[in-house]
Amino acid sequence: MLTSMVKEHHKEQVKRKQEQEVRRKEAIEASNELTQSLVDTLNVGVAQAYLNQKRLDAEAKQLHMGATNFAKQTHQWLQLIDNFSSALKELGDVENWARSIEGDMHVINQSLELAYKASRATQATGVAAAAGAEASTSAGK
């Protein structure tokens, strides 16, 4: 009887160990599935973050290129405006020079007219004096 009890106890222990081994395997399998599920969930988030980062990098490059092109265009516009401003200043200088020359020409023209009138008046008085002198010499003969 004691032997049979020991054998039965031993059988029950073996059975429990087998059940425990089955449960341990099920627990390991369940934990592996849980771990895989968590990793997959995290990987989806990481993959999405990676794709978002790639898209942000591409947009940042595009924005940088756009800003560089804008800076170049702005520089070109500034050069054109500067050249235009210089041309306007030159036109203003030419206009002032032309006005100055025109004023000088008016002064020269007035001086020449006065000189011409003075020489005509001198010639007229000289001709009249010569005619008067000739008349007085002719009358005295």
N, C-alpha and C. Protein backbone atom coordinates (compact mmCIF):
# COMPACT_ATOMS: atom_id res chain seq x y z
N MET A 1 0.79 -1.15 0.00
CA MET A 1 0.00 0.00 0.00
C MET A 1 0.87 1.27 0.00
N LEU A 2 1.85 1.32 0.76
CA LEU A 2 2.73 2.46 0.77
C LEU A 2 3.43 2.58 -0.58
N THR A 3 3.83 1.52 -1.11
CA THR A 3 4.47 1.55 -2.41
C THR A 3 3.49 2.04 -3.47
N SER A 4 2.30 1.59 -3.40
CA SER A 4 1.33 2.04 -4.39
C SER A 4 1.04 3.52 -4.22
N MET A 5 1.04 3.99 -3.02
CA MET A 5 0.83 5.41 -2.79
C MET A 5 2.02 6.21 -3.33
N VAL A 6 3.20 5.70 -3.13
CA VAL A 6 4.40 6.39 -3.60
C VAL A 6 4.36 6.42 -5.13
N LYS A 7 3.98 5.29 -5.73
CA LYS A 7 3.93 5.23 -7.19
C LYS A 7 2.88 6.20 -7.72
N GLU A 8 1.75 6.21 -7.05
CA GLU A 8 0.68 7.10 -7.47
C GLU A 8 1.12 8.56 -7.30
N HIS A 9 1.78 8.85 -6.20
CA HIS A 9 2.28 10.20 -5.96
C HIS A 9 3.30 10.58 -7.04
N HIS A 10 4.13 9.63 -7.36
CA HIS A 10 5.15 9.85 -8.37
C HIS A 10 4.48 10.10 -9.73
N LYS A 11 3.43 9.35 -10.07
CA LYS A 11 2.70 9.54 -11.32
C LYS A 11 2.06 10.93 -11.36
N GLU A 12 1.48 11.30 -10.24
CA GLU A 12 0.85 12.63 -10.18
C GLU A 12 1.89 13.73 -10.33
N GLN A 13 3.06 13.54 -9.75
CA GLN A 13 4.14 14.54 -9.89
C GLN A 13 4.57 14.64 -11.35
N VAL A 14 4.74 13.50 -11.99
CA VAL A 14 5.13 13.49 -13.39
C VAL A 14 4.05 14.19 -14.22
N LYS A 15 2.79 13.85 -13.92
CA LYS A 15 1.67 14.47 -14.64
C LYS A 15 1.67 15.98 -14.42
N ARG A 16 1.88 16.40 -13.18
CA ARG A 16 1.92 17.84 -12.88
C ARG A 16 3.10 18.50 -13.57
N LYS A 17 4.24 17.81 -13.59
CA LYS A 17 5.41 18.38 -14.26
C LYS A 17 5.13 18.54 -15.74
N GLN A 18 4.44 17.57 -16.34
CA GLN A 18 4.10 17.65 -17.75
C GLN A 18 3.12 18.80 -17.99
N GLU A 19 2.11 18.89 -17.11
CA GLU A 19 1.16 20.00 -17.23
C GLU A 19 1.88 21.34 -17.03
N GLN A 20 2.80 21.35 -16.07
CA GLN A 20 3.56 22.57 -15.80
C GLN A 20 4.44 22.91 -17.01
N GLU A 21 5.01 21.89 -17.62
CA GLU A 21 5.85 22.11 -18.81
C GLU A 21 5.00 22.64 -19.96
N VAL A 22 3.79 22.09 -20.13
CA VAL A 22 2.88 22.55 -21.17
C VAL A 22 2.49 24.00 -20.89
N ARG A 23 2.16 24.29 -19.65
CA ARG A 23 1.79 25.67 -19.29
C ARG A 23 2.97 26.62 -19.47
N ARG A 24 4.18 26.15 -19.11
CA ARG A 24 5.37 26.98 -19.30
C ARG A 24 5.58 27.30 -20.78
N LYS A 25 5.42 26.26 -21.63
CA LYS A 25 5.55 26.46 -23.08
C LYS A 25 4.48 27.41 -23.59
N GLU A 26 3.24 27.25 -23.09
CA GLU A 26 2.16 28.15 -23.49
C GLU A 26 2.46 29.58 -23.03
N ALA A 27 2.99 29.73 -21.83
CA ALA A 27 3.32 31.05 -21.30
C ALA A 27 4.44 31.68 -22.13
N ILE A 28 5.44 30.87 -22.47
CA ILE A 28 6.54 31.39 -23.30
C ILE A 28 6.01 31.80 -24.66
N GLU A 29 5.16 30.96 -25.23
CA GLU A 29 4.58 31.26 -26.54
C GLU A 29 3.73 32.52 -26.47
N ALA A 30 2.93 32.64 -25.42
CA ALA A 30 2.09 33.83 -25.25
C ALA A 30 2.94 35.08 -25.06
N SER A 31 4.01 34.95 -24.27
CA SER A 31 4.89 36.12 -24.07
C SER A 31 5.61 36.47 -25.37
N ASN A 32 6.01 35.48 -26.16
CA ASN A 32 6.62 35.76 -27.47
C ASN A 32 5.64 36.46 -28.40
N GLU A 33 4.39 36.00 -28.41
CA GLU A 33 3.38 36.65 -29.23
C GLU A 33 3.14 38.09 -28.77
N LEU A 34 3.07 38.27 -27.45
CA LEU A 34 2.89 39.61 -26.90
C LEU A 34 4.06 40.51 -27.28
N THR A 35 5.26 39.98 -27.11
CA THR A 35 6.46 40.75 -27.45
C THR A 35 6.46 41.12 -28.93
N GLN A 36 6.14 40.13 -29.77
CA GLN A 36 6.11 40.38 -31.22
C GLN A 36 5.04 41.42 -31.56
N SER A 37 3.91 41.32 -30.91
CA SER A 37 2.83 42.28 -31.15
C SER A 37 3.26 43.69 -30.73
N LEU A 38 3.91 43.79 -29.56
CA LEU A 38 4.39 45.11 -29.10
C LEU A 38 5.45 45.66 -30.03
N VAL A 39 6.36 44.79 -30.47
CA VAL A 39 7.42 45.23 -31.38
C VAL A 39 6.81 45.69 -32.70
N ASP A 40 5.83 44.92 -33.21
CA ASP A 40 5.18 45.33 -34.45
C ASP A 40 4.49 46.68 -34.30
N THR A 41 3.82 46.87 -33.16
CA THR A 41 3.15 48.15 -32.91
C THR A 41 4.17 49.28 -32.86
N LEU A 42 5.28 49.04 -32.17
CA LEU A 42 6.32 50.06 -32.09
C LEU A 42 6.97 50.30 -33.45
N ASN A 43 7.17 49.21 -34.20
CA ASN A 43 7.79 49.35 -35.52
C ASN A 43 6.93 50.18 -36.46
N VAL A 44 5.60 50.02 -36.35
CA VAL A 44 4.71 50.83 -37.18
C VAL A 44 4.91 52.31 -36.85
N GLY A 45 4.97 52.63 -35.57
CA GLY A 45 5.20 54.02 -35.16
C GLY A 45 6.56 54.53 -35.60
N VAL A 46 7.57 53.68 -35.44
CA VAL A 46 8.92 54.08 -35.84
C VAL A 46 8.98 54.25 -37.35
N ALA A 47 8.36 53.34 -38.09
CA ALA A 47 8.35 53.44 -39.55
C ALA A 47 7.64 54.72 -39.98
N GLN A 48 6.53 55.03 -39.32
CA GLN A 48 5.81 56.26 -39.66
C GLN A 48 6.66 57.48 -39.34
N ALA A 49 7.33 57.47 -38.21
CA ALA A 49 8.21 58.59 -37.84
C ALA A 49 9.35 58.72 -38.85
N TYR A 50 9.89 57.60 -39.30
CA TYR A 50 10.98 57.62 -40.28
C TYR A 50 10.49 58.22 -41.60
N LEU A 51 9.30 57.79 -42.05
CA LEU A 51 8.75 58.34 -43.29
C LEU A 51 8.47 59.83 -43.16
N ASN A 52 7.94 60.23 -42.00
CA ASN A 52 7.70 61.67 -41.77
C ASN A 52 9.01 62.45 -41.79
N GLN A 53 10.06 61.88 -41.18
CA GLN A 53 11.36 62.56 -41.16
C GLN A 53 11.93 62.69 -42.57
N LYS A 54 11.79 61.63 -43.38
CA LYS A 54 12.27 61.70 -44.77
C LYS A 54 11.53 62.78 -45.54
N ARG A 55 10.22 62.84 -45.34
CA ARG A 55 9.42 63.85 -46.04
C ARG A 55 9.80 65.26 -45.58
N LEU A 56 10.02 65.43 -44.27
CA LEU A 56 10.44 66.73 -43.75
C LEU A 56 11.80 67.14 -44.31
N ASP A 57 12.72 66.16 -44.40
CA ASP A 57 14.04 66.46 -44.97
C ASP A 57 13.92 66.90 -46.42
N ALA A 58 13.09 66.19 -47.19
CA ALA A 58 12.91 66.56 -48.60
C ALA A 58 12.29 67.96 -48.72
N GLU A 59 11.31 68.26 -47.89
CA GLU A 59 10.68 69.59 -47.93
C GLU A 59 11.66 70.68 -47.46
N ALA A 60 12.50 70.35 -46.50
CA ALA A 60 13.50 71.32 -46.03
C ALA A 60 14.49 71.62 -47.14
N LYS A 61 14.92 70.58 -47.87
CA LYS A 61 15.83 70.81 -49.00
C LYS A 61 15.17 71.68 -50.06
N GLN A 62 13.91 71.37 -50.36
CA GLN A 62 13.18 72.14 -51.35
C GLN A 62 13.02 73.59 -50.90
N LEU A 63 12.72 73.79 -49.64
CA LEU A 63 12.58 75.14 -49.10
C LEU A 63 13.91 75.89 -49.16
N HIS A 64 14.99 75.19 -48.85
CA HIS A 64 16.31 75.82 -48.90
C HIS A 64 16.65 76.24 -50.34
N MET A 65 16.35 75.36 -51.29
CA MET A 65 16.61 75.70 -52.69
C MET A 65 15.76 76.90 -53.11
N GLY A 66 14.50 76.91 -52.69
CA GLY A 66 13.63 78.04 -53.02
C GLY A 66 14.14 79.34 -52.41
N ALA A 67 14.60 79.26 -51.18
CA ALA A 67 15.12 80.47 -50.52
C ALA A 67 16.39 80.95 -51.21
N THR A 68 17.24 80.00 -51.65
CA THR A 68 18.47 80.38 -52.36
C THR A 68 18.12 81.05 -53.68
N ASN A 69 17.18 80.47 -54.42
CA ASN A 69 16.77 81.09 -55.69
C ASN A 69 16.16 82.46 -55.46
N PHE A 70 15.37 82.60 -54.41
CA PHE A 70 14.76 83.88 -54.09
C PHE A 70 15.84 84.92 -53.77
N ALA A 71 16.86 84.49 -53.04
CA ALA A 71 17.95 85.41 -52.69
C ALA A 71 18.69 85.86 -53.95
N LYS A 72 18.92 84.92 -54.88
CA LYS A 72 19.59 85.28 -56.14
C LYS A 72 18.75 86.27 -56.93
N GLN A 73 17.45 86.00 -57.04
CA GLN A 73 16.57 86.90 -57.78
C GLN A 73 16.51 88.27 -57.11
N THR A 74 16.47 88.29 -55.81
CA THR A 74 16.45 89.57 -55.08
C THR A 74 17.73 90.35 -55.36
N HIS A 75 18.86 89.65 -55.36
CA HIS A 75 20.14 90.31 -55.65
C HIS A 75 20.13 90.89 -57.07
N GLN A 76 19.60 90.12 -58.02
CA GLN A 76 19.53 90.61 -59.40
C GLN A 76 18.63 91.83 -59.50
N TRP A 77 17.50 91.80 -58.83
CA TRP A 77 16.60 92.95 -58.83
C TRP A 77 17.28 94.18 -58.22
N LEU A 78 18.00 93.95 -57.13
CA LEU A 78 18.70 95.08 -56.50
C LEU A 78 19.75 95.66 -57.44
N GLN A 79 20.44 94.81 -58.18
CA GLN A 79 21.42 95.31 -59.15
C GLN A 79 20.73 96.11 -60.24
N LEU A 80 19.59 95.60 -60.75
CA LEU A 80 18.86 96.33 -61.78
C LEU A 80 18.39 97.69 -61.26
N ILE A 81 17.89 97.72 -60.06
CA ILE A 81 17.42 98.98 -59.47
C ILE A 81 18.59 99.94 -59.28
N ASP A 82 19.73 99.43 -58.85
CA ASP A 82 20.91 100.27 -58.67
C ASP A 82 21.38 100.84 -60.01
N ASN A 83 21.40 99.98 -61.05
CA ASN A 83 21.78 100.45 -62.38
C ASN A 83 20.80 101.50 -62.90
N PHE A 84 19.51 101.27 -62.66
CA PHE A 84 18.50 102.23 -63.09
C PHE A 84 18.67 103.56 -62.36
N SER A 85 18.95 103.47 -61.08
CA SER A 85 19.16 104.68 -60.28
C SER A 85 20.38 105.46 -60.79
N SER A 86 21.43 104.73 -61.10
CA SER A 86 22.64 105.38 -61.64
C SER A 86 22.33 106.05 -62.98
N ALA A 87 21.55 105.37 -63.82
CA ALA A 87 21.19 105.95 -65.12
C ALA A 87 20.37 107.22 -64.93
N LEU A 88 19.45 107.20 -63.97
CA LEU A 88 18.66 108.41 -63.69
C LEU A 88 19.54 109.55 -63.20
N LYS A 89 20.52 109.23 -62.37
CA LYS A 89 21.44 110.27 -61.89
C LYS A 89 22.22 110.86 -63.05
N GLU A 90 22.66 109.97 -63.96
CA GLU A 90 23.41 110.45 -65.13
C GLU A 90 22.53 111.35 -65.99
N LEU A 91 21.26 110.97 -66.16
CA LEU A 91 20.35 111.81 -66.93
C LEU A 91 20.17 113.16 -66.25
N GLY A 92 20.08 113.15 -64.95
CA GLY A 92 19.97 114.41 -64.22
C GLY A 92 21.22 115.25 -64.40
N ASP A 93 22.40 114.61 -64.39
CA ASP A 93 23.65 115.34 -64.61
C ASP A 93 23.69 115.92 -66.02
N VAL A 94 23.26 115.16 -67.02
CA VAL A 94 23.24 115.64 -68.41
C VAL A 94 22.26 116.81 -68.53
N GLU A 95 21.11 116.70 -67.87
CA GLU A 95 20.13 117.78 -67.93
C GLU A 95 20.71 119.06 -67.31
N ASN A 96 21.36 118.93 -66.17
CA ASN A 96 21.98 120.10 -65.54
C ASN A 96 23.07 120.68 -66.44
N TRP A 97 23.85 119.83 -67.06
CA TRP A 97 24.92 120.29 -67.96
C TRP A 97 24.30 121.03 -69.15
N ALA A 98 23.21 120.47 -69.71
CA ALA A 98 22.55 121.11 -70.85
C ALA A 98 21.99 122.47 -70.45
N ARG A 99 21.40 122.57 -69.25
CA ARG A 99 20.87 123.86 -68.78
C ARG A 99 22.00 124.86 -68.60
N SER A 100 23.11 124.40 -68.07
CA SER A 100 24.26 125.28 -67.87
C SER A 100 24.78 125.80 -69.21
N ILE A 101 24.91 124.88 -70.18
CA ILE A 101 25.37 125.27 -71.53
C ILE A 101 24.38 126.23 -72.16
N GLU A 102 23.08 125.96 -72.00
CA GLU A 102 22.05 126.83 -72.57
C GLU A 102 22.16 128.23 -71.95
N GLY A 103 22.35 128.31 -70.65
CA GLY A 103 22.51 129.62 -70.00
C GLY A 103 23.74 130.35 -70.51
N ASP A 104 24.85 129.60 -70.65
CA ASP A 104 26.07 130.22 -71.19
C ASP A 104 25.84 130.72 -72.61
N MET A 105 25.11 129.96 -73.43
CA MET A 105 24.84 130.37 -74.81
C MET A 105 23.98 131.63 -74.84
N HIS A 106 23.03 131.74 -73.93
CA HIS A 106 22.22 132.97 -73.87
C HIS A 106 23.10 134.16 -73.52
N VAL A 107 24.01 133.98 -72.58
CA VAL A 107 24.91 135.07 -72.19
C VAL A 107 25.79 135.46 -73.39
N ILE A 108 26.33 134.44 -74.08
CA ILE A 108 27.18 134.72 -75.25
C ILE A 108 26.36 135.43 -76.34
N ASN A 109 25.12 134.94 -76.57
CA ASN A 109 24.26 135.54 -77.60
C ASN A 109 23.97 137.00 -77.26
N GLN A 110 23.64 137.28 -75.99
CA GLN A 110 23.37 138.67 -75.60
C GLN A 110 24.62 139.53 -75.75
N SER A 111 25.77 138.96 -75.38
CA SER A 111 27.02 139.73 -75.52
C SER A 111 27.31 140.02 -76.98
N LEU A 112 27.11 139.01 -77.84
CA LEU A 112 27.35 139.23 -79.29
C LEU A 112 26.37 140.25 -79.85
N GLU A 113 25.10 140.20 -79.43
CA GLU A 113 24.13 141.18 -79.91
C GLU A 113 24.53 142.59 -79.48
N LEU A 114 24.94 142.74 -78.23
CA LEU A 114 25.37 144.06 -77.74
C LEU A 114 26.60 144.56 -78.51
N ALA A 115 27.52 143.62 -78.73
CA ALA A 115 28.74 144.01 -79.46
C ALA A 115 28.39 144.40 -80.89
N TYR A 116 27.50 143.64 -81.51
CA TYR A 116 27.09 143.93 -82.89
C TYR A 116 26.40 145.29 -82.95
N LYS A 117 25.49 145.56 -82.01
CA LYS A 117 24.79 146.84 -81.98
C LYS A 117 25.77 147.99 -81.74
N ALA A 118 26.72 147.74 -80.85
CA ALA A 118 27.70 148.79 -80.56
C ALA A 118 28.56 149.06 -81.79
N SER A 119 28.95 147.98 -82.51
CA SER A 119 29.79 148.20 -83.68
C SER A 119 28.99 148.88 -84.78
N ARG A 120 27.71 148.56 -84.92
CA ARG A 120 26.86 149.21 -85.92
C ARG A 120 26.68 150.69 -85.57
N ALA A 121 26.55 150.97 -84.27
CA ALA A 121 26.38 152.36 -83.85
C ALA A 121 27.68 153.11 -84.10
N THR A 122 28.79 152.47 -83.83
CA THR A 122 30.08 153.11 -84.06
C THR A 122 30.29 153.35 -85.55
N GLN A 123 29.93 152.38 -86.35
CA GLN A 123 30.06 152.52 -87.81
C GLN A 123 29.15 153.65 -88.30
N ALA A 124 27.93 153.71 -87.76
CA ALA A 124 26.98 154.73 -88.20
C ALA A 124 27.50 156.11 -87.80
N THR A 125 28.04 156.28 -86.61
CA THR A 125 28.57 157.58 -86.20
C THR A 125 29.85 157.87 -86.95
N GLY A 126 30.61 156.85 -87.24
CA GLY A 126 31.84 157.05 -87.99
C GLY A 126 31.55 157.44 -89.42
N VAL A 127 30.55 156.87 -90.06
CA VAL A 127 30.16 157.19 -91.43
C VAL A 127 29.59 158.59 -91.44
N ALA A 128 28.81 158.94 -90.44
CA ALA A 128 28.21 160.27 -90.39
C ALA A 128 29.29 161.32 -90.16
N ALA A 129 30.26 161.02 -89.33
CA ALA A 129 31.35 161.96 -89.07
C ALA A 129 32.21 162.11 -90.30
N ALA A 130 32.45 161.00 -90.98
CA ALA A 130 33.25 161.05 -92.19
C ALA A 130 32.50 161.81 -93.26
N ALA A 131 31.23 161.64 -93.36
CA ALA A 131 30.43 162.35 -94.35
C ALA A 131 30.40 163.83 -93.99
N GLY A 132 30.32 164.16 -92.74
CA GLY A 132 30.31 165.55 -92.31
C GLY A 132 31.67 166.19 -92.58
N ALA A 133 32.74 165.43 -92.37
CA ALA A 133 34.07 165.94 -92.61
C ALA A 133 34.28 166.10 -94.10
N GLU A 134 33.78 165.24 -94.87
CA GLU A 134 33.89 165.31 -96.32
C GLU A 134 33.07 166.49 -96.83
N ALA A 135 31.93 166.69 -96.25
CA ALA A 135 31.08 167.79 -96.66
C ALA A 135 31.74 169.12 -96.29
N SER A 136 32.38 169.19 -95.15
CA SER A 136 33.01 170.42 -94.79
C SER A 136 34.26 170.65 -95.61
N THR A 137 34.98 169.66 -96.01
CA THR A 137 36.13 169.83 -96.88
C THR A 137 35.68 170.17 -98.29
N SER A 138 34.59 169.68 -98.75
CA SER A 138 34.10 169.98 -100.08
C SER A 138 33.54 171.41 -100.10
N ALA A 139 32.99 171.87 -99.07
CA ALA A 139 32.41 173.19 -99.05
C ALA A 139 33.53 174.23 -98.95
N GLY A 140 34.64 173.90 -98.42
CA GLY A 140 35.73 174.83 -98.25
C GLY A 140 36.53 174.95 -99.52
N LYS A 141 36.37 174.26 -100.46
CA LYS A 141 37.13 174.35 -101.68
C LYS A 141 36.52 175.32 -102.55
